[in-house]
C-alpha atoms as a PDB file:
ATOM      1  CA  UNK A   1      17.605   5.313  -0.497  1.00  0.00           C
ATOM      2  CA  UNK A   2      17.940   8.860  -1.755  1.00  0.00           C
ATOM      3  CA  UNK A   3      21.458   8.142  -2.980  1.00  0.00           C
ATOM      4  CA  UNK A   4      20.171   5.411  -5.256  1.00  0.00           C
ATOM      5  CA  UNK A   5      17.176   7.379  -6.410  1.00  0.00           C
ATOM      6  CA  UNK A   6      19.454  10.227  -7.448  1.00  0.00           C
ATOM      7  CA  UNK A   7      21.618   7.995  -9.639  1.00  0.00           C
ATOM      8  CA  UNK A   8      21.277   8.323 -13.419  1.00  0.00           C
ATOM      9  CA  UNK A   9      19.291   5.653 -15.195  1.00  0.00           C
ATOM     10  CA  UNK A  10      20.763   3.253 -17.718  1.00  0.00           C
ATOM     11  CA  UNK A  11      18.450   4.253 -20.532  1.00  0.00           C
ATOM     12  CA  UNK A  12      18.595   7.429 -22.612  1.00  0.00           C
ATOM     13  CA  UNK A  13      17.736  10.646 -20.817  1.00  0.00           C
ATOM     14  CA  UNK A  14      15.504  12.212 -23.504  1.00  0.00           C
ATOM     15  CA  UNK A  15      13.233   9.540 -25.018  1.00  0.00           C
ATOM     16  CA  UNK A  16      10.531  10.229 -27.591  1.00  0.00           C
ATOM     17  CA  UNK A  17       6.924  10.282 -26.400  1.00  0.00           C
ATOM     18  CA  UNK A  18       6.393   6.744 -27.704  1.00  0.00           C
ATOM     19  CA  UNK A  19       9.548   5.546 -25.948  1.00  0.00           C
ATOM     20  CA  UNK A  20       8.585   7.336 -22.742  1.00  0.00           C
ATOM     21  CA  UNK A  21       5.126   5.742 -22.837  1.00  0.00           C
ATOM     22  CA  UNK A  22       6.672   2.340 -23.480  1.00  0.00           C
ATOM     23  CA  UNK A  23       9.152   2.588 -20.607  1.00  0.00           C
ATOM     24  CA  UNK A  24       6.610   3.859 -18.093  1.00  0.00           C
ATOM     25  CA  UNK A  25       3.983   1.260 -19.005  1.00  0.00           C
ATOM     26  CA  UNK A  26       6.602  -1.501 -19.154  1.00  0.00           C
ATOM     27  CA  UNK A  27       7.858  -0.809 -15.654  1.00  0.00           C
ATOM     28  CA  UNK A  28       4.326  -0.498 -14.254  1.00  0.00           C
ATOM     29  CA  UNK A  29       3.602  -3.954 -15.672  1.00  0.00           C
ATOM     30  CA  UNK A  30       6.864  -5.414 -14.381  1.00  0.00           C
ATOM     31  CA  UNK A  31       6.403  -4.036 -10.874  1.00  0.00           C
ATOM     32  CA  UNK A  32       2.714  -5.097 -10.852  1.00  0.00           C
ATOM     33  CA  UNK A  33       1.412  -1.551 -10.536  1.00  0.00           C
ATOM     34  CA  UNK A  34      -0.739  -2.882 -13.361  1.00  0.00           C
ATOM     35  CA  UNK A  35      -1.786  -6.303 -12.128  1.00  0.00           C
ATOM     36  CA  UNK A  36      -1.860  -9.467 -14.296  1.00  0.00           C
ATOM     37  CA  UNK A  37      -5.178  -9.680 -16.132  1.00  0.00           C
ATOM     38  CA  UNK A  38      -5.986  -6.004 -15.539  1.00  0.00           C
ATOM     39  CA  UNK A  39      -7.493  -4.136 -18.524  1.00  0.00           C
ATOM     40  CA  UNK A  40      -5.465  -1.348 -20.123  1.00  0.00           C
ATOM     41  CA  UNK A  41      -7.424   1.594 -21.510  1.00  0.00           C
ATOM     42  CA  UNK A  42      -5.450   3.675 -24.028  1.00  0.00           C
ATOM     43  CA  UNK A  43      -7.276   6.898 -23.243  1.00  0.00           C
ATOM     44  CA  UNK A  44      -6.941   6.501 -19.492  1.00  0.00           C
ATOM     45  CA  UNK A  45      -3.252   5.631 -19.749  1.00  0.00           C
ATOM     46  CA  UNK A  46      -2.626   8.636 -22.006  1.00  0.00           C
ATOM     47  CA  UNK A  47      -4.190  10.939 -19.414  1.00  0.00           C
ATOM     48  CA  UNK A  48      -2.263   9.349 -16.546  1.00  0.00           C
ATOM     49  CA  UNK A  49       1.062   9.654 -18.382  1.00  0.00           C
ATOM     50  CA  UNK A  50       0.320  13.098 -19.806  1.00  0.00           C
ATOM     51  CA  UNK A  51       0.916  11.832 -23.348  1.00  0.00           C
ATOM     52  CA  UNK A  52      -1.114  11.476 -26.535  1.00  0.00           C
ATOM     53  CA  UNK A  53      -3.016   8.345 -27.482  1.00  0.00           C
ATOM     54  CA  UNK A  54      -0.793   7.660 -30.508  1.00  0.00           C
ATOM     55  CA  UNK A  55       2.448   7.138 -28.520  1.00  0.00           C
ATOM     56  CA  UNK A  56       0.512   5.051 -25.996  1.00  0.00           C
ATOM     57  CA  UNK A  57      -0.876   2.911 -28.812  1.00  0.00           C
ATOM     58  CA  UNK A  58       2.652   2.427 -30.203  1.00  0.00           C
ATOM     59  CA  UNK A  59       3.900   1.499 -26.731  1.00  0.00           C
ATOM     60  CA  UNK A  60       1.184  -1.115 -26.306  1.00  0.00           C
ATOM     61  CA  UNK A  61       2.153  -2.738 -29.621  1.00  0.00           C
ATOM     62  CA  UNK A  62       5.735  -3.080 -28.374  1.00  0.00           C
ATOM     63  CA  UNK A  63       4.546  -4.464 -25.047  1.00  0.00           C
ATOM     64  CA  UNK A  64       2.639  -7.173 -26.919  1.00  0.00           C
ATOM     65  CA  UNK A  65       5.929  -8.286 -28.491  1.00  0.00           C
ATOM     66  CA  UNK A  66       7.425  -8.319 -24.982  1.00  0.00           C
ATOM     67  CA  UNK A  67       4.588 -10.636 -23.820  1.00  0.00           C
ATOM     68  CA  UNK A  68       3.577  -8.107 -21.158  1.00  0.00           C
ATOM     69  CA  UNK A  69       0.174  -7.277 -22.646  1.00  0.00           C
ATOM     70  CA  UNK A  70      -2.259  -9.099 -24.898  1.00  0.00           C
ATOM     71  CA  UNK A  71      -5.017  -7.665 -27.088  1.00  0.00           C
ATOM     72  CA  UNK A  72      -8.278  -9.359 -28.056  1.00  0.00           C
ATOM     73  CA  UNK A  73     -10.606  -8.250 -30.831  1.00  0.00           C
ATOM     74  CA  UNK A  74     -13.721  -6.523 -29.417  1.00  0.00           C
ATOM     75  CA  UNK A  75     -12.543  -7.164 -25.848  1.00  0.00           C
ATOM     76  CA  UNK A  76      -9.586  -4.831 -25.424  1.00  0.00           C
ATOM     77  CA  UNK A  77      -6.044  -5.009 -24.097  1.00  0.00           C
ATOM     78  CA  UNK A  78      -5.003  -6.660 -20.834  1.00  0.00           C
ATOM     79  CA  UNK A  79      -1.856  -7.229 -18.822  1.00  0.00           C
ATOM     80  CA  UNK A  80      -0.747 -10.807 -19.434  1.00  0.00           C
ATOM     81  CA  UNK A  81      -0.998 -13.362 -16.668  1.00  0.00           C
ATOM     82  CA  UNK A  82       2.259 -14.533 -15.124  1.00  0.00           C
ATOM     83  CA  UNK A  83       3.048 -18.061 -16.267  1.00  0.00           C
ATOM     84  CA  UNK A  84       5.391 -19.721 -13.768  1.00  0.00           C
ATOM     85  CA  UNK A  85       6.074 -22.515 -16.246  1.00  0.00           C
ATOM     86  CA  UNK A  86       8.119 -19.945 -18.197  1.00  0.00           C
ATOM     87  CA  UNK A  87      10.617 -19.641 -15.334  1.00  0.00           C
ATOM     88  CA  UNK A  88      12.846 -22.478 -16.547  1.00  0.00           C
ATOM     89  CA  UNK A  89      12.912 -21.176 -20.135  1.00  0.00           C
ATOM     90  CA  UNK A  90      13.651 -17.603 -19.058  1.00  0.00           C
ATOM     91  CA  UNK A  91      16.348 -18.762 -16.635  1.00  0.00           C
ATOM     92  CA  UNK A  92      17.979 -20.970 -19.275  1.00  0.00           C
ATOM     93  CA  UNK A  93      18.424 -17.977 -21.574  1.00  0.00           C
ATOM     94  CA  UNK A  94      19.608 -15.674 -18.788  1.00  0.00           C
ATOM     95  CA  UNK A  95      22.141 -18.232 -17.527  1.00  0.00           C
ATOM     96  CA  UNK A  96      23.796 -18.062 -20.941  1.00  0.00           C
ATOM     97  CA  UNK A  97      23.495 -14.339 -21.649  1.00  0.00           C
ATOM     98  CA  UNK A  98      23.918 -12.653 -18.242  1.00  0.00           C
ATOM     99  CA  UNK A  99      27.531 -13.920 -17.840  1.00  0.00           C
ATOM    100  CA  UNK A 100      28.229 -12.852 -21.430  1.00  0.00           C
ATOM    101  CA  UNK A 101      26.962  -9.338 -20.717  1.00  0.00           C
ATOM    102  CA  UNK A 102      28.943  -9.098 -17.475  1.00  0.00           C
ATOM    103  CA  UNK A 103      32.092 -10.333 -19.204  1.00  0.00           C
ATOM    104  CA  UNK A 104      31.695  -7.857 -22.079  1.00  0.00           C
ATOM    105  CA  UNK A 105      30.924  -5.012 -19.676  1.00  0.00           C
ATOM    106  CA  UNK A 106      34.103  -5.749 -17.710  1.00  0.00           C
ATOM    107  CA  UNK A 107      36.111  -5.546 -20.925  1.00  0.00           C
ATOM    108  CA  UNK A 108      34.331  -2.743 -22.768  1.00  0.00           C
ATOM    109  CA  UNK A 109      32.800  -0.328 -20.266  1.00  0.00           C
ATOM    110  CA  UNK A 110      33.931   3.275 -20.608  1.00  0.00           C
ATOM    111  CA  UNK A 111      35.695   4.972 -17.723  1.00  0.00           C
ATOM    112  CA  UNK A 112      32.613   7.071 -16.984  1.00  0.00           C
ATOM    113  CA  UNK A 113      30.471   3.927 -16.926  1.00  0.00           C
ATOM    114  CA  UNK A 114      32.923   2.199 -14.556  1.00  0.00           C
ATOM    115  CA  UNK A 115      32.656   5.174 -12.195  1.00  0.00           C
ATOM    116  CA  UNK A 116      28.885   4.972 -12.382  1.00  0.00           C
ATOM    117  CA  UNK A 117      28.913   1.235 -11.613  1.00  0.00           C
ATOM    118  CA  UNK A 118      31.074   1.857  -8.542  1.00  0.00           C
ATOM    119  CA  UNK A 119      28.765   4.664  -7.449  1.00  0.00           C
ATOM    120  CA  UNK A 120      25.803   2.287  -7.598  1.00  0.00           C
ATOM    121  CA  UNK A 121      27.780  -0.433  -5.768  1.00  0.00           C
ATOM    122  CA  UNK A 122      28.637   1.993  -2.959  1.00  0.00           C
ATOM    123  CA  UNK A 123      25.018   3.151  -2.668  1.00  0.00           C
ATOM    124  CA  UNK A 124      23.737  -0.433  -2.414  1.00  0.00           C
ATOM    125  CA  UNK A 125      26.450  -1.340   0.118  1.00  0.00           C
ATOM    126  CA  UNK A 126      25.222   1.470   2.366  1.00  0.00           C
ATOM    127  CA  UNK A 127      21.681   0.124   2.537  1.00  0.00           C
ATOM    128  CA  UNK A 128      20.839  -1.111   6.015  1.00  0.00           C
ATOM    129  CA  UNK A 129      18.515  -4.020   6.850  1.00  0.00           C
ATOM    130  CA  UNK A 130      14.894  -2.992   6.528  1.00  0.00           C
ATOM    131  CA  UNK A 131      15.844   0.345   5.003  1.00  0.00           C
ATOM    132  CA  UNK A 132      13.701  -0.238   1.939  1.00  0.00           C
ATOM    133  CA  UNK A 133      10.576  -2.142   1.010  1.00  0.00           C
ATOM    134  CA  UNK A 134      11.076  -5.318  -1.013  1.00  0.00           C
ATOM    135  CA  UNK A 135       9.300  -3.878  -4.057  1.00  0.00           C
ATOM    136  CA  UNK A 136      11.473  -0.776  -3.918  1.00  0.00           C
ATOM    137  CA  UNK A 137      14.580  -2.943  -3.767  1.00  0.00           C
ATOM    138  CA  UNK A 138      13.480  -4.732  -6.924  1.00  0.00           C
ATOM    139  CA  UNK A 139      13.573  -1.409  -8.764  1.00  0.00           C
ATOM    140  CA  UNK A 140      17.266  -1.213  -7.959  1.00  0.00           C
ATOM    141  CA  UNK A 141      17.721  -4.768  -9.192  1.00  0.00           C
ATOM    142  CA  UNK A 142      16.306  -3.648 -12.543  1.00  0.00           C
ATOM    143  CA  UNK A 143      18.566  -0.591 -12.568  1.00  0.00           C
ATOM    144  CA  UNK A 144      21.720  -2.618 -11.903  1.00  0.00           C
ATOM    145  CA  UNK A 145      20.994  -5.132 -14.632  1.00  0.00           C
ATOM    146  CA  UNK A 146      20.195  -2.427 -17.167  1.00  0.00           C
ATOM    147  CA  UNK A 147      23.430  -0.597 -16.347  1.00  0.00           C
ATOM    148  CA  UNK A 148      25.481  -3.749 -16.917  1.00  0.00           C
ATOM    149  CA  UNK A 149      23.661  -4.482 -20.191  1.00  0.00           C
ATOM    150  CA  UNK A 150      24.380  -0.946 -21.353  1.00  0.00           C
ATOM    151  CA  UNK A 151      28.034  -1.225 -20.323  1.00  0.00           C
ATOM    152  CA  UNK A 152      28.330  -4.396 -22.428  1.00  0.00           C
ATOM    153  CA  UNK A 153      28.119  -2.161 -25.506  1.00  0.00           C
ATOM    154  CA  UNK A 154      26.062  -4.531 -27.650  1.00  0.00           C
ATOM    155  CA  UNK A 155      22.594  -3.101 -28.332  1.00  0.00           C
ATOM    156  CA  UNK A 156      21.206  -6.446 -29.513  1.00  0.00           C
ATOM    157  CA  UNK A 157      22.380  -8.217 -26.372  1.00  0.00           C
ATOM    158  CA  UNK A 158      21.112  -5.313 -24.274  1.00  0.00           C
ATOM    159  CA  UNK A 159      17.586  -5.335 -25.712  1.00  0.00           C
ATOM    160  CA  UNK A 160      17.336  -9.132 -25.458  1.00  0.00           C
ATOM    161  CA  UNK A 161      18.457  -9.219 -21.839  1.00  0.00           C
ATOM    162  CA  UNK A 162      16.210  -6.334 -20.817  1.00  0.00           C
ATOM    163  CA  UNK A 163      13.251  -8.277 -22.168  1.00  0.00           C
ATOM    164  CA  UNK A 164      14.088 -11.471 -20.261  1.00  0.00           C
ATOM    165  CA  UNK A 165      15.101  -9.660 -17.091  1.00  0.00           C
ATOM    166  CA  UNK A 166      11.741  -7.877 -17.210  1.00  0.00           C
ATOM    167  CA  UNK A 167       9.909 -11.214 -17.362  1.00  0.00           C
ATOM    168  CA  UNK A 168      12.029 -12.630 -14.539  1.00  0.00           C
ATOM    169  CA  UNK A 169      11.453  -9.573 -12.356  1.00  0.00           C
ATOM    170  CA  UNK A 170       7.712  -9.788 -12.929  1.00  0.00           C
ATOM    171  CA  UNK A 171       7.727 -13.406 -11.734  1.00  0.00           C
ATOM    172  CA  UNK A 172       9.733 -12.334  -8.682  1.00  0.00           C
ATOM    173  CA  UNK A 173       7.273  -9.529  -7.886  1.00  0.00           C
ATOM    174  CA  UNK A 174       4.327 -11.960  -7.950  1.00  0.00           C
ATOM    175  CA  UNK A 175       5.900 -14.062  -5.182  1.00  0.00           C
ATOM    176  CA  UNK A 176       7.561 -11.178  -3.352  1.00  0.00           C
ATOM    177  CA  UNK A 177       5.334 -11.481  -0.291  1.00  0.00           C
ATOM    178  CA  UNK A 178       6.335 -15.149   0.085  1.00  0.00           C
ATOM    179  CA  UNK A 179      10.081 -14.479  -0.027  1.00  0.00           C
ATOM    180  CA  UNK A 180      11.513 -13.846   3.466  1.00  0.00           C
ATOM    181  CA  UNK A 181      13.888 -11.138   2.226  1.00  0.00           C
ATOM    182  CA  UNK A 182      15.239  -9.823  -1.066  1.00  0.00           C
ATOM    183  CA  UNK A 183      17.993  -7.727   0.498  1.00  0.00           C
ATOM    184  CA  UNK A 184      20.546 -10.512  -0.026  1.00  0.00           C
ATOM    185  CA  UNK A 185      19.571 -10.746  -3.676  1.00  0.00           C
ATOM    186  CA  UNK A 186      20.211  -7.015  -4.042  1.00  0.00           C
ATOM    187  CA  UNK A 187      23.469  -6.882  -2.080  1.00  0.00           C
ATOM    188  CA  UNK A 188      24.883  -9.612  -4.365  1.00  0.00           C
ATOM    189  CA  UNK A 189      25.165  -6.816  -6.906  1.00  0.00           C
ATOM    190  CA  UNK A 190      27.919  -5.054  -4.970  1.00  0.00           C
ATOM    191  CA  UNK A 191      30.633  -7.595  -5.794  1.00  0.00           C
ATOM    192  CA  UNK A 192      29.303  -7.994  -9.339  1.00  0.00           C
ATOM    193  CA  UNK A 193      29.410  -4.260 -10.027  1.00  0.00           C
ATOM    194  CA  UNK A 194      32.888  -3.965  -8.534  1.00  0.00           C
ATOM    195  CA  UNK A 195      34.168  -6.865 -10.647  1.00  0.00           C
ATOM    196  CA  UNK A 196      32.793  -5.257 -13.809  1.00  0.00           C
ATOM    197  CA  UNK A 197      34.237  -1.871 -12.874  1.00  0.00           C
ATOM    198  CA  UNK A 198      37.633  -3.448 -12.141  1.00  0.00           C
ATOM    199  CA  UNK A 199      37.682  -5.185 -15.522  1.00  0.00           C
ATOM    200  CA  UNK A 200      37.724  -8.676 -13.973  1.00  0.00           C
ATOM    201  CA  UNK A 201      35.777 -10.423 -16.723  1.00  0.00           C
ATOM    202  CA  UNK A 202      36.022 -13.962 -15.332  1.00  0.00           C
ATOM    203  CA  UNK A 203      34.811 -12.977 -11.871  1.00  0.00           C
ATOM    204  CA  UNK A 204      32.046 -10.791 -13.294  1.00  0.00           C
ATOM    205  CA  UNK A 205      30.759 -13.672 -15.428  1.00  0.00           C
ATOM    206  CA  UNK A 206      30.924 -16.085 -12.489  1.00  0.00           C
ATOM    207  CA  UNK A 207      29.006 -13.729 -10.191  1.00  0.00           C
ATOM    208  CA  UNK A 208      26.397 -12.980 -12.865  1.00  0.00           C
ATOM    209  CA  UNK A 209      25.717 -16.695 -13.329  1.00  0.00           C
ATOM    210  CA  UNK A 210      25.425 -17.225  -9.575  1.00  0.00           C
ATOM    211  CA  UNK A 211      22.984 -14.323  -9.322  1.00  0.00           C
ATOM    212  CA  UNK A 212      20.693 -15.788 -11.980  1.00  0.00           C
ATOM    213  CA  UNK A 213      20.774 -19.346 -10.624  1.00  0.00           C
ATOM    214  CA  UNK A 214      20.145 -18.202  -7.039  1.00  0.00           C
ATOM    215  CA  UNK A 215      17.176 -16.191  -8.298  1.00  0.00           C
ATOM    216  CA  UNK A 216      15.605 -19.290  -9.847  1.00  0.00           C
ATOM    217  CA  UNK A 217      16.302 -21.378  -6.728  1.00  0.00           C
ATOM    218  CA  UNK A 218      14.666 -18.776  -4.482  1.00  0.00           C
ATOM    219  CA  UNK A 219      11.546 -18.609  -6.652  1.00  0.00           C
ATOM    220  CA  UNK A 220      11.187 -22.399  -6.815  1.00  0.00           C
ATOM    221  CA  UNK A 221      11.334 -22.655  -3.022  1.00  0.00           C
ATOM    222  CA  UNK A 222       8.196 -20.538  -2.647  1.00  0.00           C
ATOM    223  CA  UNK A 223       6.155 -21.853  -5.590  1.00  0.00           C
END
């Protein structure tokens, strides 16, 4: 797992304090380190992240737009509950946009990005059965998707897909203990990453669509 952990992340390396607070809180919410319905205290979060209350407050406002937190007057801010009825709506959008992103990435990725995609593919291919916990594997799922979105070179498409992939991943994490294994879901990325890196737009789009539809099918089996 060290090989994957050492890989560069898809997002900018030097974010502002507000952006750093947003990303850290966002991923804690996605991975259920902050559980659905759990209260979020600005002061406590600021201390935990080593940041000021102002960037944390700005981050929380963005997370409300992302439907990851909700604020109530005189009650405070809470992590949103996971609504499984949203699965079909989220999947419908991803089934249209994920193939588009993969296709664009195959056509537009820079040479350095193609090398990075292959590096990630090789690292995932080397993972043995039981080498990582399911929740840890889901972090790599997020990383792969964000890399492909970035490689697509359309910031509007990237931000939209990150938002919906975040919601999908959060649903997955809620049912993670009911899913026999997520390793197959993760290893699907190897062929997808290689297709993007090779510039095979049609294959990349086809594999991206399969990945999204198989995700929805897996979730529905355990609901």
